[in-house]
Amino acid sequence: MIRFSQEQLQTIRTHAESTYPDECCGIILGYLANEGKTVVEVMPTENTWNAEAAAEFPGEHTIESKRRQYTIAPQVMLKTQKEARDRSLNIIGIFHSHPDHPAIPSECDRLYAWQGYSYIIVSVQNGKAGKLQSWSLDDTHQFQAEKIENII
């Protein structure tokens, strides 16, 4: 289970709509407890997918795939990880959008996902954010739906 405030969920939806028709992406900071993950901050980032990034991912060699792929710059991930540690927080997840597609992970999402993270996907249909779902990897590296709980 992962807990978000309504404001945090709205930040994800707004970022997804603002980047449409490209995929949006961002980092989720928070902490882990026995009862699940609690989000402290949602950090929208730039989708830095380009020809150079595509070369790092087999089978994804077109810059046009920014509408179907995302990447967060490694230096942004590293800086965020250091800042989170300084605040006694962790990176607990990543969010991204699926423009004109359902909020279900793709095979590419699964291949490059990290165990222990929550992956929030928001479907954006015709520029409007719709269904938002959380996913996490199980022990066999398959995505399982993860409950989203609202916090006040």
C-alpha atoms as a PDB file:
ATOM      1  CA  MET A   1       0.000   0.000   0.000  1.00  0.00           C
ATOM      2  CA  ILE A   2       1.120   3.543  -0.732  1.00  0.00           C
ATOM      3  CA  ARG A   3      -0.383   6.648   0.871  1.00  0.00           C
ATOM      4  CA  PHE A   4      -0.778   9.977  -0.946  1.00  0.00           C
ATOM      5  CA  SER A   5      -2.493  13.247  -0.106  1.00  0.00           C
ATOM      6  CA  GLN A   6      -5.023  14.569  -2.622  1.00  0.00           C
ATOM      7  CA  GLU A   7      -2.624  17.442  -3.337  1.00  0.00           C
ATOM      8  CA  GLN A   8       0.189  15.015  -4.205  1.00  0.00           C
ATOM      9  CA  LEU A   9      -2.066  13.030  -6.544  1.00  0.00           C
ATOM     10  CA  GLN A  10      -3.178  16.280  -8.181  1.00  0.00           C
ATOM     11  CA  THR A  11       0.471  17.256  -8.746  1.00  0.00           C
ATOM     12  CA  ILE A  12       0.951  14.032 -10.730  1.00  0.00           C
ATOM     13  CA  ARG A  13      -2.235  14.590 -12.756  1.00  0.00           C
ATOM     14  CA  THR A  14      -1.356  18.224 -13.517  1.00  0.00           C
ATOM     15  CA  HIS A  15       2.169  17.312 -14.641  1.00  0.00           C
ATOM     16  CA  ALA A  16       0.763  14.552 -16.873  1.00  0.00           C
ATOM     17  CA  GLU A  17      -1.667  16.947 -18.539  1.00  0.00           C
ATOM     18  CA  SER A  18       1.002  19.630 -19.014  1.00  0.00           C
ATOM     19  CA  THR A  19       3.354  17.288 -20.901  1.00  0.00           C
ATOM     20  CA  TYR A  20       0.701  15.625 -23.082  1.00  0.00           C
ATOM     21  CA  PRO A  21       1.072  14.149 -25.700  1.00  0.00           C
ATOM     22  CA  ASP A  22       4.488  13.148 -24.331  1.00  0.00           C
ATOM     23  CA  GLU A  23       4.918  10.997 -21.250  1.00  0.00           C
ATOM     24  CA  CYS A  24       5.566  12.829 -18.010  1.00  0.00           C
ATOM     25  CA  CYS A  25       7.726  11.463 -15.226  1.00  0.00           C
ATOM     26  CA  GLY A  26       8.797  12.224 -11.702  1.00  0.00           C
ATOM     27  CA  ILE A  27      10.187  10.957  -8.435  1.00  0.00           C
ATOM     28  CA  ILE A  28       8.282  10.080  -5.270  1.00  0.00           C
ATOM     29  CA  LEU A  29       9.943  10.666  -1.892  1.00  0.00           C
ATOM     30  CA  GLY A  30       8.727   9.251   1.382  1.00  0.00           C
ATOM     31  CA  TYR A  31       9.317   6.590   3.956  1.00  0.00           C
ATOM     32  CA  LEU A  32       8.647   2.903   4.459  1.00  0.00           C
ATOM     33  CA  ALA A  33       6.890   1.391   7.447  1.00  0.00           C
ATOM     34  CA  ASN A  34       5.394  -2.005   8.209  1.00  0.00           C
ATOM     35  CA  GLU A  35       1.995  -0.835   7.006  1.00  0.00           C
ATOM     36  CA  GLY A  36       3.305   0.420   3.650  1.00  0.00           C
ATOM     37  CA  LYS A  37       4.790   3.505   2.034  1.00  0.00           C
ATOM     38  CA  THR A  38       3.900   7.090   2.889  1.00  0.00           C
ATOM     39  CA  VAL A  39       4.563   9.827   0.352  1.00  0.00           C
ATOM     40  CA  VAL A  40       6.112  13.052   1.637  1.00  0.00           C
ATOM     41  CA  GLU A  41       6.870  14.750  -1.677  1.00  0.00           C
ATOM     42  CA  VAL A  42       6.085  14.294  -5.363  1.00  0.00           C
ATOM     43  CA  MET A  43       8.778  15.796  -7.607  1.00  0.00           C
ATOM     44  CA  PRO A  44       7.877  16.296 -11.277  1.00  0.00           C
ATOM     45  CA  THR A  45      10.943  15.956 -13.510  1.00  0.00           C
ATOM     46  CA  GLU A  46      11.699  16.508 -17.159  1.00  0.00           C
ATOM     47  CA  ASN A  47      11.309  13.556 -19.508  1.00  0.00           C
ATOM     48  CA  THR A  48      14.827  13.531 -20.947  1.00  0.00           C
ATOM     49  CA  TRP A  49      14.158  10.777 -23.485  1.00  0.00           C
ATOM     50  CA  ASN A  50      16.098  11.571 -26.664  1.00  0.00           C
ATOM     51  CA  ALA A  51      18.195   9.776 -29.281  1.00  0.00           C
ATOM     52  CA  GLU A  52      21.094   9.437 -26.827  1.00  0.00           C
ATOM     53  CA  ALA A  53      18.872   7.932 -24.137  1.00  0.00           C
ATOM     54  CA  ALA A  54      17.203   5.666 -26.705  1.00  0.00           C
ATOM     55  CA  ALA A  55      20.606   4.201 -27.621  1.00  0.00           C
ATOM     56  CA  GLU A  56      20.891   2.885 -24.043  1.00  0.00           C
ATOM     57  CA  PHE A  57      17.659   0.887 -24.365  1.00  0.00           C
ATOM     58  CA  PRO A  58      17.631  -1.941 -26.935  1.00  0.00           C
ATOM     59  CA  GLY A  59      14.749  -1.755 -29.378  1.00  0.00           C
ATOM     60  CA  GLU A  60      13.850   1.857 -28.581  1.00  0.00           C
ATOM     61  CA  HIS A  61      15.907   3.804 -31.086  1.00  0.00           C
ATOM     62  CA  THR A  62      13.586   6.607 -32.155  1.00  0.00           C
ATOM     63  CA  ILE A  63      13.355  10.018 -30.600  1.00  0.00           C
ATOM     64  CA  GLU A  64       9.626   9.990 -31.444  1.00  0.00           C
ATOM     65  CA  SER A  65       9.188   7.336 -28.771  1.00  0.00           C
ATOM     66  CA  LYS A  66       9.171  10.122 -26.136  1.00  0.00           C
ATOM     67  CA  ARG A  67       5.410   9.806 -26.486  1.00  0.00           C
ATOM     68  CA  ARG A  68       5.768   6.172 -25.432  1.00  0.00           C
ATOM     69  CA  GLN A  69       8.883   6.239 -23.223  1.00  0.00           C
ATOM     70  CA  TYR A  70      10.405   8.286 -20.464  1.00  0.00           C
ATOM     71  CA  THR A  71      13.703   8.610 -18.712  1.00  0.00           C
ATOM     72  CA  ILE A  72      14.808  10.683 -15.756  1.00  0.00           C
ATOM     73  CA  ALA A  73      18.323  12.085 -16.105  1.00  0.00           C
ATOM     74  CA  PRO A  74      20.786  10.070 -13.983  1.00  0.00           C
ATOM     75  CA  GLN A  75      22.179  13.247 -12.414  1.00  0.00           C
ATOM     76  CA  VAL A  76      18.644  14.208 -11.301  1.00  0.00           C
ATOM     77  CA  MET A  77      18.143  10.773  -9.717  1.00  0.00           C
ATOM     78  CA  LEU A  78      21.495  10.997  -7.924  1.00  0.00           C
ATOM     79  CA  LYS A  79      20.916  14.557  -6.689  1.00  0.00           C
ATOM     80  CA  THR A  80      17.413  13.646  -5.494  1.00  0.00           C
ATOM     81  CA  GLN A  81      18.701  10.554  -3.712  1.00  0.00           C
ATOM     82  CA  LYS A  82      21.317  12.625  -1.849  1.00  0.00           C
ATOM     83  CA  GLU A  83      18.787  15.317  -0.910  1.00  0.00           C
ATOM     84  CA  ALA A  84      16.309  12.674   0.264  1.00  0.00           C
ATOM     85  CA  ARG A  85      18.955  11.031   2.436  1.00  0.00           C
ATOM     86  CA  ASP A  86      19.777  14.419   4.004  1.00  0.00           C
ATOM     87  CA  ARG A  87      16.077  14.706   4.935  1.00  0.00           C
ATOM     88  CA  SER A  88      15.894  11.102   6.255  1.00  0.00           C
ATOM     89  CA  LEU A  89      13.672  10.136   3.316  1.00  0.00           C
ATOM     90  CA  ASN A  90      13.935   7.581   0.524  1.00  0.00           C
ATOM     91  CA  ILE A  91      13.017   7.464  -3.114  1.00  0.00           C
ATOM     92  CA  ILE A  92      10.012   5.146  -2.799  1.00  0.00           C
ATOM     93  CA  GLY A  93       8.697   5.360  -6.321  1.00  0.00           C
ATOM     94  CA  ILE A  94       8.533   6.783  -9.804  1.00  0.00           C
ATOM     95  CA  PHE A  95       5.520   8.136 -11.635  1.00  0.00           C
ATOM     96  CA  HIS A  96       4.829   8.534 -15.319  1.00  0.00           C
ATOM     97  CA  SER A  97       1.941   8.917 -17.717  1.00  0.00           C
ATOM     98  CA  HIS A  98       0.560   6.797 -20.524  1.00  0.00           C
ATOM     99  CA  PRO A  99      -0.792   9.240 -23.137  1.00  0.00           C
ATOM    100  CA  ASP A 100      -3.909   7.808 -24.800  1.00  0.00           C
ATOM    101  CA  HIS A 101      -3.270   4.405 -23.207  1.00  0.00           C
ATOM    102  CA  PRO A 102      -4.439   2.712 -19.991  1.00  0.00           C
ATOM    103  CA  ALA A 103      -2.651   3.033 -16.638  1.00  0.00           C
ATOM    104  CA  ILE A 104      -1.203  -0.461 -17.029  1.00  0.00           C
ATOM    105  CA  PRO A 105       2.566  -1.112 -17.139  1.00  0.00           C
ATOM    106  CA  SER A 106       4.117  -1.891 -20.503  1.00  0.00           C
ATOM    107  CA  GLU A 107       6.693  -4.616 -21.003  1.00  0.00           C
ATOM    108  CA  CYS A 108       9.345  -1.877 -21.176  1.00  0.00           C
ATOM    109  CA  ASP A 109       8.092  -0.515 -17.834  1.00  0.00           C
ATOM    110  CA  ARG A 110       8.538  -3.983 -16.340  1.00  0.00           C
ATOM    111  CA  LEU A 111      11.978  -4.627 -17.840  1.00  0.00           C
ATOM    112  CA  TYR A 112      13.475  -1.449 -16.393  1.00  0.00           C
ATOM    113  CA  ALA A 113      11.611  -1.354 -13.060  1.00  0.00           C
ATOM    114  CA  TRP A 114      13.398  -1.708  -9.721  1.00  0.00           C
ATOM    115  CA  GLN A 115      12.253  -3.988  -6.939  1.00  0.00           C
ATOM    116  CA  GLY A 116      10.892  -2.155  -3.886  1.00  0.00           C
ATOM    117  CA  TYR A 117       9.702   0.927  -5.780  1.00  0.00           C
ATOM    118  CA  SER A 118       6.097   1.883  -6.434  1.00  0.00           C
ATOM    119  CA  TYR A 119       5.330   2.779 -10.039  1.00  0.00           C
ATOM    120  CA  ILE A 120       2.433   5.185 -10.391  1.00  0.00           C
ATOM    121  CA  ILE A 121       0.950   5.366 -13.880  1.00  0.00           C
ATOM    122  CA  VAL A 122      -1.686   7.893 -14.892  1.00  0.00           C
ATOM    123  CA  SER A 123      -3.656   7.462 -18.093  1.00  0.00           C
ATOM    124  CA  VAL A 124      -4.073  10.697 -20.065  1.00  0.00           C
ATOM    125  CA  GLN A 125      -6.832  10.584 -22.684  1.00  0.00           C
ATOM    126  CA  ASN A 126      -6.996  13.516 -25.123  1.00  0.00           C
ATOM    127  CA  GLY A 127      -5.000  15.696 -22.727  1.00  0.00           C
ATOM    128  CA  LYS A 128      -7.093  14.938 -19.627  1.00  0.00           C
ATOM    129  CA  ALA A 129      -5.676  12.879 -16.738  1.00  0.00           C
ATOM    130  CA  GLY A 130      -7.831   9.869 -15.936  1.00  0.00           C
ATOM    131  CA  LYS A 131      -7.265   6.658 -14.028  1.00  0.00           C
ATOM    132  CA  LEU A 132      -4.199   6.550 -11.806  1.00  0.00           C
ATOM    133  CA  GLN A 133      -2.826   3.230 -10.540  1.00  0.00           C
ATOM    134  CA  SER A 134       0.145   2.044  -8.507  1.00  0.00           C
ATOM    135  CA  TRP A 135       2.160  -1.055  -9.332  1.00  0.00           C
ATOM    136  CA  SER A 136       5.073  -2.840  -7.669  1.00  0.00           C
ATOM    137  CA  LEU A 137       7.196  -5.804  -8.662  1.00  0.00           C
ATOM    138  CA  ASP A 138       6.715  -9.168  -7.001  1.00  0.00           C
ATOM    139  CA  ASP A 139       9.444 -11.763  -6.381  1.00  0.00           C
ATOM    140  CA  THR A 140       9.164 -13.030  -9.968  1.00  0.00           C
ATOM    141  CA  HIS A 141       9.669  -9.518 -11.434  1.00  0.00           C
ATOM    142  CA  GLN A 142       5.996  -9.209 -12.448  1.00  0.00           C
ATOM    143  CA  PHE A 143       3.913  -6.142 -11.690  1.00  0.00           C
ATOM    144  CA  GLN A 144       1.152  -6.443  -9.111  1.00  0.00           C
ATOM    145  CA  ALA A 145      -1.436  -3.746  -8.433  1.00  0.00           C
ATOM    146  CA  GLU A 146      -0.727  -1.788  -5.259  1.00  0.00           C
ATOM    147  CA  LYS A 147      -3.478  -0.113  -3.241  1.00  0.00           C
ATOM    148  CA  ILE A 148      -3.428   3.690  -3.116  1.00  0.00           C
ATOM    149  CA  GLU A 149      -4.748   5.148   0.122  1.00  0.00           C
ATOM    150  CA  ASN A 150      -5.573   8.819   0.610  1.00  0.00           C
ATOM    151  CA  ILE A 151      -4.132  10.665   3.572  1.00  0.00           C
ATOM    152  CA  ILE A 152      -5.425  13.952   4.861  1.00  0.00           C
END
